[in-house]
Amino acid sequence: MLLPGGVGIGLAIAVRLAREGVAVAICGRNQAKLDDAAAQISQHGSVTPVLAEPATAAGAETLIAAVPHTDILVNNLGIYEAKPFTEIRPS
């Protein structure tokens, strides 16, 4: 399972899936936050933290290299206004 971030709802999903035996991978842009989330998830199961910004080509390549096979993808992106997908820009 691949999950962006590691806070709030995303962290809760990752913990639950880890408890169910899913090997969880999380990605994030901040090493300290990523380490904190990985520590919490690892109390319940397997976790692979990946420092990457998947909204960029380089970040996507880093993430794919670290986690080449994914069965479940949770796209847990907080967007605060409705807009077409093609108009969403990385912050």
PDB file of N, CA and C in Angstrom:
ATOM      1  N   MET A   1       0.847  -1.159   0.000  1.00  0.00           N
ATOM      2  CA  MET A   1       0.000   0.000   0.000  1.00  0.00           C
ATOM      3  C   MET A   1       0.890   1.218   0.000  1.00  0.00           C
ATOM      4  N   LEU A   2       0.597   2.170  -0.828  1.00  0.00           N
ATOM      5  CA  LEU A   2       1.375   3.396  -0.915  1.00  0.00           C
ATOM      6  C   LEU A   2       0.507   4.558  -0.496  1.00  0.00           C
ATOM      7  N   LEU A   3       1.026   5.366   0.413  1.00  0.00           N
ATOM      8  CA  LEU A   3       0.245   6.453   0.975  1.00  0.00           C
ATOM      9  C   LEU A   3       1.082   7.708   1.069  1.00  0.00           C
ATOM     10  N   PRO A   4       0.608   8.799   0.477  1.00  0.00           N
ATOM     11  CA  PRO A   4       1.339  10.045   0.653  1.00  0.00           C
ATOM     12  C   PRO A   4       1.157  10.582   2.060  1.00  0.00           C
ATOM     13  N   GLY A   5       2.198  11.200   2.562  1.00  0.00           N
ATOM     14  CA  GLY A   5       2.100  11.866   3.849  1.00  0.00           C
ATOM     15  C   GLY A   5       2.113  10.910   5.012  1.00  0.00           C
ATOM     16  N   GLY A   6       1.779  11.424   6.156  1.00  0.00           N
ATOM     17  CA  GLY A   6       1.764  10.581   7.329  1.00  0.00           C
ATOM     18  C   GLY A   6       1.147  11.287   8.513  1.00  0.00           C
ATOM     19  N   VAL A   7       0.097  12.049   8.260  1.00  0.00           N
ATOM     20  CA  VAL A   7      -0.616  12.729   9.343  1.00  0.00           C
ATOM     21  C   VAL A   7      -2.113  12.578   9.115  1.00  0.00           C
ATOM     22  N   GLY A   8      -2.876  12.861  10.142  1.00  0.00           N
ATOM     23  CA  GLY A   8      -4.327  12.902  10.022  1.00  0.00           C
ATOM     24  C   GLY A   8      -4.942  11.620   9.503  1.00  0.00           C
ATOM     25  N   ILE A   9      -5.860  11.768   8.558  1.00  0.00           N
ATOM     26  CA  ILE A   9      -6.582  10.628   8.001  1.00  0.00           C
ATOM     27  C   ILE A   9      -5.610   9.663   7.322  1.00  0.00           C
ATOM     28  N   GLY A  10      -4.631  10.196   6.612  1.00  0.00           N
ATOM     29  CA  GLY A  10      -3.663   9.331   5.941  1.00  0.00           C
ATOM     30  C   GLY A  10      -2.910   8.441   6.906  1.00  0.00           C
ATOM     31  N   LEU A  11      -2.493   9.002   8.030  1.00  0.00           N
ATOM     32  CA  LEU A  11      -1.787   8.217   9.042  1.00  0.00           C
ATOM     33  C   LEU A  11      -2.714   7.157   9.630  1.00  0.00           C
ATOM     34  N   ALA A  12      -3.950   7.528   9.901  1.00  0.00           N
ATOM     35  CA  ALA A  12      -4.914   6.567  10.449  1.00  0.00           C
ATOM     36  C   ALA A  12      -5.146   5.410   9.475  1.00  0.00           C
ATOM     37  N   ILE A  13      -5.246   5.708   8.191  1.00  0.00           N
ATOM     38  CA  ILE A  13      -5.417   4.658   7.182  1.00  0.00           C
ATOM     39  C   ILE A  13      -4.192   3.749   7.171  1.00  0.00           C
ATOM     40  N   ALA A  14      -3.000   4.334   7.192  1.00  0.00           N
ATOM     41  CA  ALA A  14      -1.768   3.551   7.161  1.00  0.00           C
ATOM     42  C   ALA A  14      -1.662   2.637   8.378  1.00  0.00           C
ATOM     43  N   VAL A  15      -1.977   3.165   9.551  1.00  0.00           N
ATOM     44  CA  VAL A  15      -1.921   2.354  10.778  1.00  0.00           C
ATOM     45  C   VAL A  15      -2.905   1.197  10.687  1.00  0.00           C
ATOM     46  N   ARG A  16      -4.119   1.485  10.252  1.00  0.00           N
ATOM     47  CA  ARG A  16      -5.135   0.427  10.162  1.00  0.00           C
ATOM     48  C   ARG A  16      -4.710  -0.671   9.184  1.00  0.00           C
ATOM     49  N   LEU A  17      -4.210  -0.261   8.024  1.00  0.00           N
ATOM     50  CA  LEU A  17      -3.784  -1.256   7.046  1.00  0.00           C
ATOM     51  C   LEU A  17      -2.576  -2.051   7.549  1.00  0.00           C
ATOM     52  N   ALA A  18      -1.656  -1.401   8.242  1.00  0.00           N
ATOM     53  CA  ALA A  18      -0.516  -2.114   8.828  1.00  0.00           C
ATOM     54  C   ALA A  18      -1.004  -3.149   9.842  1.00  0.00           C
ATOM     55  N   ARG A  19      -1.995  -2.781  10.651  1.00  0.00           N
ATOM     56  CA  ARG A  19      -2.577  -3.735  11.614  1.00  0.00           C
ATOM     57  C   ARG A  19      -3.182  -4.947  10.915  1.00  0.00           C
ATOM     58  N   GLU A  20      -3.682  -4.730   9.699  1.00  0.00           N
ATOM     59  CA  GLU A  20      -4.316  -5.809   8.933  1.00  0.00           C
ATOM     60  C   GLU A  20      -3.299  -6.644   8.167  1.00  0.00           C
ATOM     61  N   GLY A  21      -2.000  -6.307   8.286  1.00  0.00           N
ATOM     62  CA  GLY A  21      -0.958  -7.101   7.659  1.00  0.00           C
ATOM     63  C   GLY A  21      -0.464  -6.573   6.323  1.00  0.00           C
ATOM     64  N   VAL A  22      -0.915  -5.377   5.946  1.00  0.00           N
ATOM     65  CA  VAL A  22      -0.479  -4.777   4.687  1.00  0.00           C
ATOM     66  C   VAL A  22       0.907  -4.161   4.884  1.00  0.00           C
ATOM     67  N   ALA A  23       1.818  -4.411   3.947  1.00  0.00           N
ATOM     68  CA  ALA A  23       3.130  -3.751   3.951  1.00  0.00           C
ATOM     69  C   ALA A  23       2.914  -2.339   3.417  1.00  0.00           C
ATOM     70  N   VAL A  24       3.051  -1.359   4.272  1.00  0.00           N
ATOM     71  CA  VAL A  24       2.724   0.030   3.959  1.00  0.00           C
ATOM     72  C   VAL A  24       3.977   0.784   3.524  1.00  0.00           C
ATOM     73  N   ALA A  25       3.834   1.613   2.497  1.00  0.00           N
ATOM     74  CA  ALA A  25       4.875   2.564   2.103  1.00  0.00           C
ATOM     75  C   ALA A  25       4.250   3.950   2.179  1.00  0.00           C
ATOM     76  N   ILE A  26       4.975   4.889   2.769  1.00  0.00           N
ATOM     77  CA  ILE A  26       4.490   6.259   2.827  1.00  0.00           C
ATOM     78  C   ILE A  26       5.538   7.174   2.213  1.00  0.00           C
ATOM     79  N   CYS A  27       5.078   8.257   1.619  1.00  0.00           N
ATOM     80  CA  CYS A  27       6.029   9.226   1.089  1.00  0.00           C
ATOM     81  C   CYS A  27       5.726  10.593   1.677  1.00  0.00           C
ATOM     82  N   GLY A  28       6.747  11.401   1.753  1.00  0.00           N
ATOM     83  CA  GLY A  28       6.591  12.742   2.280  1.00  0.00           C
ATOM     84  C   GLY A  28       7.765  13.608   1.884  1.00  0.00           C
ATOM     85  N   ARG A  29       7.596  14.913   2.091  1.00  0.00           N
ATOM     86  CA  ARG A  29       8.635  15.875   1.709  1.00  0.00           C
ATOM     87  C   ARG A  29       9.499  16.306   2.883  1.00  0.00           C
ATOM     88  N   ASN A  30       9.114  15.949   4.103  1.00  0.00           N
ATOM     89  CA  ASN A  30       9.814  16.380   5.301  1.00  0.00           C
ATOM     90  C   ASN A  30      10.318  15.151   6.052  1.00  0.00           C
ATOM     91  N   GLN A  31      11.641  15.016   6.173  1.00  0.00           N
ATOM     92  CA  GLN A  31      12.227  13.814   6.771  1.00  0.00           C
ATOM     93  C   GLN A  31      11.763  13.600   8.212  1.00  0.00           C
ATOM     94  N   ALA A  32      11.714  14.642   9.008  1.00  0.00           N
ATOM     95  CA  ALA A  32      11.320  14.487  10.414  1.00  0.00           C
ATOM     96  C   ALA A  32       9.880  13.995  10.535  1.00  0.00           C
ATOM     97  N   LYS A  33       8.973  14.574   9.752  1.00  0.00           N
ATOM     98  CA  LYS A  33       7.572  14.144   9.788  1.00  0.00           C
ATOM     99  C   LYS A  33       7.430  12.725   9.264  1.00  0.00           C
ATOM    100  N   LEU A  34       8.199  12.410   8.233  1.00  0.00           N
ATOM    101  CA  LEU A  34       8.169  11.066   7.668  1.00  0.00           C
ATOM    102  C   LEU A  34       8.656  10.047   8.694  1.00  0.00           C
ATOM    103  N   ASP A  35       9.732  10.377   9.399  1.00  0.00           N
ATOM    104  CA  ASP A  35      10.261   9.483  10.428  1.00  0.00           C
ATOM    105  C   ASP A  35       9.254   9.285  11.558  1.00  0.00           C
ATOM    106  N   ASP A  36       8.583  10.361  11.974  1.00  0.00           N
ATOM    107  CA  ASP A  36       7.573  10.257  13.038  1.00  0.00           C
ATOM    108  C   ASP A  36       6.426   9.336  12.621  1.00  0.00           C
ATOM    109  N   ALA A  37       5.943   9.531  11.400  1.00  0.00           N
ATOM    110  CA  ALA A  37       4.848   8.697  10.907  1.00  0.00           C
ATOM    111  C   ALA A  37       5.289   7.242  10.797  1.00  0.00           C
ATOM    112  N   ALA A  38       6.479   7.010  10.273  1.00  0.00           N
ATOM    113  CA  ALA A  38       6.990   5.642  10.124  1.00  0.00           C
ATOM    114  C   ALA A  38       7.125   4.959  11.484  1.00  0.00           C
ATOM    115  N   ALA A  39       7.557   5.706  12.490  1.00  0.00           N
ATOM    116  CA  ALA A  39       7.690   5.133  13.834  1.00  0.00           C
ATOM    117  C   ALA A  39       6.329   4.701  14.367  1.00  0.00           C
ATOM    118  N   GLN A  40       5.323   5.512  14.153  1.00  0.00           N
ATOM    119  CA  GLN A  40       3.972   5.161  14.619  1.00  0.00           C
ATOM    120  C   GLN A  40       3.423   3.943  13.873  1.00  0.00           C
ATOM    121  N   ILE A  41       3.597   3.928  12.565  1.00  0.00           N
ATOM    122  CA  ILE A  41       3.075   2.825  11.755  1.00  0.00           C
ATOM    123  C   ILE A  41       3.815   1.534  12.072  1.00  0.00           C
ATOM    124  N   SER A  42       5.125   1.613  12.290  1.00  0.00           N
ATOM    125  CA  SER A  42       5.930   0.407  12.521  1.00  0.00           C
ATOM    126  C   SER A  42       5.547  -0.314  13.809  1.00  0.00           C
ATOM    127  N   GLN A  43       4.846   0.350  14.715  1.00  0.00           N
ATOM    128  CA  GLN A  43       4.352  -0.306  15.931  1.00  0.00           C
ATOM    129  C   GLN A  43       3.264  -1.326  15.594  1.00  0.00           C
ATOM    130  N   HIS A  44       2.713  -1.223  14.387  1.00  0.00           N
ATOM    131  CA  HIS A  44       1.585  -2.062  13.993  1.00  0.00           C
ATOM    132  C   HIS A  44       1.897  -2.993  12.828  1.00  0.00           C
ATOM    133  N   GLY A  45       3.029  -2.763  12.137  1.00  0.00           N
ATOM    134  CA  GLY A  45       3.370  -3.614  10.999  1.00  0.00           C
ATOM    135  C   GLY A  45       4.508  -3.028  10.196  1.00  0.00           C
ATOM    136  N   SER A  46       4.631  -3.506   8.987  1.00  0.00           N
ATOM    137  CA  SER A  46       5.733  -3.136   8.105  1.00  0.00           C
ATOM    138  C   SER A  46       5.482  -1.790   7.432  1.00  0.00           C
ATOM    139  N   VAL A  47       6.526  -0.935   7.407  1.00  0.00           N
ATOM    140  CA  VAL A  47       6.410   0.364   6.749  1.00  0.00           C
ATOM    141  C   VAL A  47       7.720   0.707   6.039  1.00  0.00           C
ATOM    142  N   THR A  48       7.586   1.271   4.848  1.00  0.00           N
ATOM    143  CA  THR A  48       8.728   1.774   4.089  1.00  0.00           C
ATOM    144  C   THR A  48       8.519   3.267   3.874  1.00  0.00           C
ATOM    145  N   PRO A  49       9.283   4.121   4.566  1.00  0.00           N
ATOM    146  CA  PRO A  49       9.159   5.560   4.335  1.00  0.00           C
ATOM    147  C   PRO A  49      10.037   5.992   3.163  1.00  0.00           C
ATOM    148  N   VAL A  50       9.495   6.868   2.317  1.00  0.00           N
ATOM    149  CA  VAL A  50      10.237   7.349   1.150  1.00  0.00           C
ATOM    150  C   VAL A  50      10.184   8.866   1.130  1.00  0.00           C
ATOM    151  N   LEU A  51      11.353   9.494   1.211  1.00  0.00           N
ATOM    152  CA  LEU A  51      11.437  10.949   1.128  1.00  0.00           C
ATOM    153  C   LEU A  51      11.368  11.339  -0.338  1.00  0.00           C
ATOM    154  N   ALA A  52      10.235  11.904  -0.756  1.00  0.00           N
ATOM    155  CA  ALA A  52      10.049  12.252  -2.166  1.00  0.00           C
ATOM    156  C   ALA A  52       8.867  13.200  -2.309  1.00  0.00           C
ATOM    157  N   GLU A  53       8.901  14.006  -3.354  1.00  0.00           N
ATOM    158  CA  GLU A  53       7.785  14.872  -3.737  1.00  0.00           C
ATOM    159  C   GLU A  53       7.196  14.292  -5.011  1.00  0.00           C
ATOM    160  N   PRO A  54       6.155  13.444  -4.891  1.00  0.00           N
ATOM    161  CA  PRO A  54       5.654  12.744  -6.064  1.00  0.00           C
ATOM    162  C   PRO A  54       4.978  13.640  -7.101  1.00  0.00           C
ATOM    163  N   ALA A  55       4.798  14.910  -6.794  1.00  0.00           N
ATOM    164  CA  ALA A  55       4.216  15.840  -7.765  1.00  0.00           C
ATOM    165  C   ALA A  55       5.249  16.318  -8.778  1.00  0.00           C
ATOM    166  N   THR A  56       6.515  15.962  -8.557  1.00  0.00           N
ATOM    167  CA  THR A  56       7.571  16.326  -9.512  1.00  0.00           C
ATOM    168  C   THR A  56       8.072  15.061 -10.209  1.00  0.00           C
ATOM    169  N   ALA A  57       8.655  15.232 -11.379  1.00  0.00           N
ATOM    170  CA  ALA A  57       9.183  14.080 -12.112  1.00  0.00           C
ATOM    171  C   ALA A  57      10.270  13.372 -11.311  1.00  0.00           C
ATOM    172  N   ALA A  58      11.178  14.135 -10.714  1.00  0.00           N
ATOM    173  CA  ALA A  58      12.262  13.540  -9.927  1.00  0.00           C
ATOM    174  C   ALA A  58      11.708  12.799  -8.710  1.00  0.00           C
ATOM    175  N   GLY A  59      10.742  13.399  -8.043  1.00  0.00           N
ATOM    176  CA  GLY A  59      10.137  12.756  -6.878  1.00  0.00           C
ATOM    177  C   GLY A  59       9.400  11.485  -7.245  1.00  0.00           C
ATOM    178  N   ALA A  60       8.682  11.522  -8.371  1.00  0.00           N
ATOM    179  CA  ALA A  60       7.970  10.330  -8.837  1.00  0.00           C
ATOM    180  C   ALA A  60       8.957   9.211  -9.153  1.00  0.00           C
ATOM    181  N   GLU A  61      10.066   9.546  -9.782  1.00  0.00           N
ATOM    182  CA  GLU A  61      11.088   8.542 -10.090  1.00  0.00           C
ATOM    183  C   GLU A  61      11.674   7.937  -8.817  1.00  0.00           C
ATOM    184  N   THR A  62      11.930   8.789  -7.819  1.00  0.00           N
ATOM    185  CA  THR A  62      12.447   8.305  -6.535  1.00  0.00           C
ATOM    186  C   THR A  62      11.464   7.345  -5.889  1.00  0.00           C
ATOM    187  N   LEU A  63      10.197   7.720  -5.898  1.00  0.00           N
ATOM    188  CA  LEU A  63       9.160   6.893  -5.284  1.00  0.00           C
ATOM    189  C   LEU A  63       9.002   5.565  -6.010  1.00  0.00           C
ATOM    190  N   ILE A  64       8.974   5.599  -7.326  1.00  0.00           N
ATOM    191  CA  ILE A  64       8.831   4.368  -8.112  1.00  0.00           C
ATOM    192  C   ILE A  64      10.033   3.453  -7.906  1.00  0.00           C
ATOM    193  N   ALA A  65      11.228   4.033  -7.819  1.00  0.00           N
ATOM    194  CA  ALA A  65      12.428   3.215  -7.585  1.00  0.00           C
ATOM    195  C   ALA A  65      12.372   2.543  -6.214  1.00  0.00           C
ATOM    196  N   ALA A  66      11.846   3.245  -5.220  1.00  0.00           N
ATOM    197  CA  ALA A  66      11.782   2.707  -3.861  1.00  0.00           C
ATOM    198  C   ALA A  66      10.650   1.698  -3.694  1.00  0.00           C
ATOM    199  N   VAL A  67       9.549   1.928  -4.407  1.00  0.00           N
ATOM    200  CA  VAL A  67       8.370   1.070  -4.277  1.00  0.00           C
ATOM    201  C   VAL A  67       7.854   0.758  -5.686  1.00  0.00           C
ATOM    202  N   PRO A  68       8.507  -0.184  -6.373  1.00  0.00           N
ATOM    203  CA  PRO A  68       8.140  -0.435  -7.772  1.00  0.00           C
ATOM    204  C   PRO A  68       6.801  -1.148  -7.970  1.00  0.00           C
ATOM    205  N   HIS A  69       6.310  -1.840  -6.943  1.00  0.00           N
ATOM    206  CA  HIS A  69       5.052  -2.584  -7.060  1.00  0.00           C
ATOM    207  C   HIS A  69       4.099  -2.143  -5.961  1.00  0.00           C
ATOM    208  N   THR A  70       2.895  -1.761  -6.364  1.00  0.00           N
ATOM    209  CA  THR A  70       1.885  -1.294  -5.415  1.00  0.00           C
ATOM    210  C   THR A  70       0.554  -1.961  -5.734  1.00  0.00           C
ATOM    211  N   ASP A  71      -0.079  -2.532  -4.734  1.00  0.00           N
ATOM    212  CA  ASP A  71      -1.389  -3.155  -4.917  1.00  0.00           C
ATOM    213  C   ASP A  71      -2.528  -2.204  -4.532  1.00  0.00           C
ATOM    214  N   ILE A  72      -2.292  -1.357  -3.551  1.00  0.00           N
ATOM    215  CA  ILE A  72      -3.299  -0.413  -3.074  1.00  0.00           C
ATOM    216  C   ILE A  72      -2.666   0.969  -3.082  1.00  0.00           C
ATOM    217  N   LEU A  73      -3.349   1.929  -3.663  1.00  0.00           N
ATOM    218  CA  LEU A  73      -2.870   3.313  -3.637  1.00  0.00           C
ATOM    219  C   LEU A  73      -3.932   4.177  -2.981  1.00  0.00           C
ATOM    220  N   VAL A  74      -3.551   4.869  -1.921  1.00  0.00           N
ATOM    221  CA  VAL A  74      -4.446   5.826  -1.279  1.00  0.00           C
ATOM    222  C   VAL A  74      -3.937   7.202  -1.656  1.00  0.00           C
ATOM    223  N   ASN A  75      -4.698   7.893  -2.485  1.00  0.00           N
ATOM    224  CA  ASN A  75      -4.337   9.243  -2.900  1.00  0.00           C
ATOM    225  C   ASN A  75      -5.019  10.197  -1.935  1.00  0.00           C
ATOM    226  N   ASN A  76      -4.308  10.562  -0.907  1.00  0.00           N
ATOM    227  CA  ASN A  76      -4.854  11.335   0.198  1.00  0.00           C
ATOM    228  C   ASN A  76      -4.373  12.778   0.100  1.00  0.00           C
ATOM    229  N   LEU A  77      -4.889  13.482  -0.888  1.00  0.00           N
ATOM    230  CA  LEU A  77      -4.457  14.843  -1.164  1.00  0.00           C
ATOM    231  C   LEU A  77      -5.510  15.817  -0.685  1.00  0.00           C
ATOM    232  N   GLY A  78      -5.109  16.788   0.116  1.00  0.00           N
ATOM    233  CA  GLY A  78      -6.051  17.796   0.588  1.00  0.00           C
ATOM    234  C   GLY A  78      -6.167  18.946  -0.395  1.00  0.00           C
ATOM    235  N   ILE A  79      -7.273  19.028  -1.084  1.00  0.00           N
ATOM    236  CA  ILE A  79      -7.550  20.140  -1.994  1.00  0.00           C
ATOM    237  C   ILE A  79      -8.735  20.893  -1.407  1.00  0.00           C
ATOM    238  N   TYR A  80      -8.619  22.164  -1.313  1.00  0.00           N
ATOM    239  CA  TYR A  80      -9.608  22.935  -0.567  1.00  0.00           C
ATOM    240  C   TYR A  80     -10.654  23.611  -1.432  1.00  0.00           C
ATOM    241  N   GLU A  81     -10.615  23.416  -2.721  1.00  0.00           N
ATOM    242  CA  GLU A  81     -11.663  23.940  -3.584  1.00  0.00           C
ATOM    243  C   GLU A  81     -11.861  22.976  -4.734  1.00  0.00           C
ATOM    244  N   ALA A  82     -13.086  22.886  -5.225  1.00  0.00           N
ATOM    245  CA  ALA A  82     -13.362  21.999  -6.350  1.00  0.00           C
ATOM    246  C   ALA A  82     -12.792  22.605  -7.622  1.00  0.00           C
ATOM    247  N   LYS A  83     -12.047  21.794  -8.357  1.00  0.00           N
ATOM    248  CA  LYS A  83     -11.509  22.229  -9.641  1.00  0.00           C
ATOM    249  C   LYS A  83     -11.141  21.006 -10.450  1.00  0.00           C
ATOM    250  N   PRO A  84     -11.077  21.144 -11.766  1.00  0.00           N
ATOM    251  CA  PRO A  84     -10.669  20.004 -12.589  1.00  0.00           C
ATOM    252  C   PRO A  84      -9.255  19.544 -12.237  1.00  0.00           C
ATOM    253  N   PHE A  85      -9.018  18.268 -12.327  1.00  0.00           N
ATOM    254  CA  PHE A  85      -7.732  17.685 -11.986  1.00  0.00           C
ATOM    255  C   PHE A  85      -6.585  18.370 -12.718  1.00  0.00           C
ATOM    256  N   THR A  86      -6.794  18.698 -13.987  1.00  0.00           N
ATOM    257  CA  THR A  86      -5.734  19.296 -14.804  1.00  0.00           C
ATOM    258  C   THR A  86      -5.350  20.707 -14.345  1.00  0.00           C
ATOM    259  N   GLU A  87      -6.152  21.311 -13.490  1.00  0.00           N
ATOM    260  CA  GLU A  87      -5.863  22.645 -12.983  1.00  0.00           C
ATOM    261  C   GLU A  87      -5.200  22.650 -11.610  1.00  0.00           C
ATOM    262  N   ILE A  88      -4.998  21.464 -11.029  1.00  0.00           N
ATOM    263  CA  ILE A  88      -4.368  21.368  -9.711  1.00  0.00           C
ATOM    264  C   ILE A  88      -2.864  21.533  -9.876  1.00  0.00           C
ATOM    265  N   ARG A  89      -2.279  22.417  -9.106  1.00  0.00           N
ATOM    266  CA  ARG A  89      -0.839  22.689  -9.152  1.00  0.00           C
ATOM    267  C   ARG A  89      -0.211  22.329  -7.805  1.00  0.00           C
ATOM    268  N   PRO A  90       1.026  21.790  -7.810  1.00  0.00           N
ATOM    269  CA  PRO A  90       1.688  21.497  -6.541  1.00  0.00           C
ATOM    270  C   PRO A  90       1.939  22.783  -5.770  1.00  0.00           C
ATOM    271  N   SER A  91       1.828  22.699  -4.466  1.00  0.00           N
ATOM    272  CA  SER A  91       2.075  23.888  -3.642  1.00  0.00           C
ATOM    273  C   SER A  91       3.508  23.987  -3.224  1.00  0.00           C
TER     274      SER A  91
END
